[in-house]
Protein backbone atom coordinates (compact mmCIF):
# COMPACT_ATOMS: atom_id res chain seq x y z
CA MET A 1 -46.99 140.97 20.37
CA SER A 2 -46.29 137.69 18.56
CA THR A 3 -43.18 138.03 16.19
CA SER A 4 -43.28 135.50 13.24
CA PRO A 5 -40.57 134.79 10.56
CA LYS A 6 -40.67 136.65 7.24
CA SER A 7 -38.04 134.97 5.56
CA VAL A 8 -34.74 132.58 5.96
CA ARG A 9 -31.47 132.88 4.09
CA PHE A 10 -28.06 130.99 4.58
CA ASP A 11 -24.44 131.55 4.10
CA ASP A 12 -21.78 128.70 4.47
CA ASP A 13 -22.01 128.69 8.34
CA THR A 14 -25.14 130.60 9.38
CA MET A 15 -28.97 130.75 9.08
CA TRP A 16 -30.41 134.25 9.04
CA VAL A 17 -34.06 134.72 10.05
CA SER A 18 -35.84 138.15 9.24
CA LEU A 19 -38.86 138.55 11.74
CA SER A 20 -42.06 140.58 11.37
CA ASP A 21 -41.00 143.10 13.79
CA GLY A 22 -37.84 144.24 11.75
CA ARG A 23 -35.19 142.15 13.65
CA THR A 24 -32.89 139.70 12.26
CA ILE A 25 -31.77 136.65 14.03
CA ALA A 26 -28.46 134.80 13.14
CA ALA A 27 -27.91 131.22 14.32
CA PRO A 28 -24.86 128.93 13.53
CA LEU A 29 -25.97 126.01 11.20
CA ALA A 30 -23.85 123.83 13.70
CA TRP A 31 -26.69 124.21 15.89
CA PHE A 32 -28.96 122.42 13.36
CA PRO A 33 -27.25 119.15 12.35
CA ARG A 34 -30.10 118.56 9.75
CA LEU A 35 -29.82 121.73 8.24
CA LEU A 36 -25.71 121.71 8.30
CA GLY A 37 -26.10 118.57 5.89
CA ALA A 38 -28.73 119.73 3.56
CA THR A 39 -28.45 120.67 0.14
CA ALA A 40 -29.48 124.19 -1.09
CA GLU A 41 -32.86 122.88 -2.62
CA GLN A 42 -33.67 121.17 0.63
CA LEU A 43 -32.85 124.29 2.51
CA GLY A 44 -34.82 126.36 0.19
CA ASN A 45 -37.97 124.14 0.68
CA VAL A 46 -38.91 125.62 4.02
CA GLU A 47 -42.54 126.53 5.35
CA LEU A 48 -42.87 129.60 7.51
CA SER A 49 -45.59 129.73 10.19
CA LYS A 50 -46.56 132.30 12.76
CA GLY A 51 -44.26 130.42 15.29
CA GLY A 52 -41.44 129.33 13.19
CA LEU A 53 -39.67 127.33 10.54
CA HIS A 54 -40.49 123.91 9.06
CA TRP A 55 -38.68 121.60 6.65
CA GLU A 56 -40.94 118.49 5.88
CA SER A 57 -38.17 116.68 3.70
CA LEU A 58 -35.48 117.33 6.46
CA ASP A 59 -37.93 116.50 9.61
CA GLU A 60 -36.92 119.77 11.24
CA ASP A 61 -38.88 122.40 12.98
CA ILE A 62 -37.37 125.61 14.53
CA SER A 63 -39.39 127.92 16.69
CA VAL A 64 -38.91 131.80 16.66
CA ALA A 65 -39.07 131.46 20.53
CA GLY A 66 -36.17 128.87 20.61
CA LEU A 67 -34.06 131.19 18.24
CA LEU A 68 -34.69 134.24 20.54
CA ALA A 69 -33.65 132.26 23.53
CA GLY A 70 -30.39 130.91 21.65
CA GLN A 71 -31.58 127.10 21.75
CA PRO A 72 -29.86 124.93 19.47
CA ASP A 73 -31.47 121.76 18.10
CA ALA A 74 -32.30 119.31 20.75
CA THR A 75 -30.92 116.23 18.83
CA ARG A 76 -27.52 114.66 18.76
CA ASN A 77 -26.12 114.13 15.31
CA GLY A 78 -29.48 115.02 13.62
CA LYS A 79 -31.32 112.30 15.48
CA ARG A 80 -34.05 113.20 17.89
CA LEU A 81 -33.37 112.43 21.51
CA ALA A 82 -35.55 110.37 23.50
CA ALA A 83 -37.90 112.22 25.85
């Protein structure tokens, strides 16, 4: 069974993602520097897909699988690391 995001909300320190299977995942915003520095308007401009969350204006993609595995953003200070 594939679990997809149904909604996302934020408080001062945390991103909360509600999933199609009824679970809610909480992740600290400190894990995602681009989100931590974003405005409320930017945070609200999220696209939900089968596998995750995408913020076009912030160049941020977060997978449900990564959230479930407890994986923070693979960047340093909001800049992508070289592969």
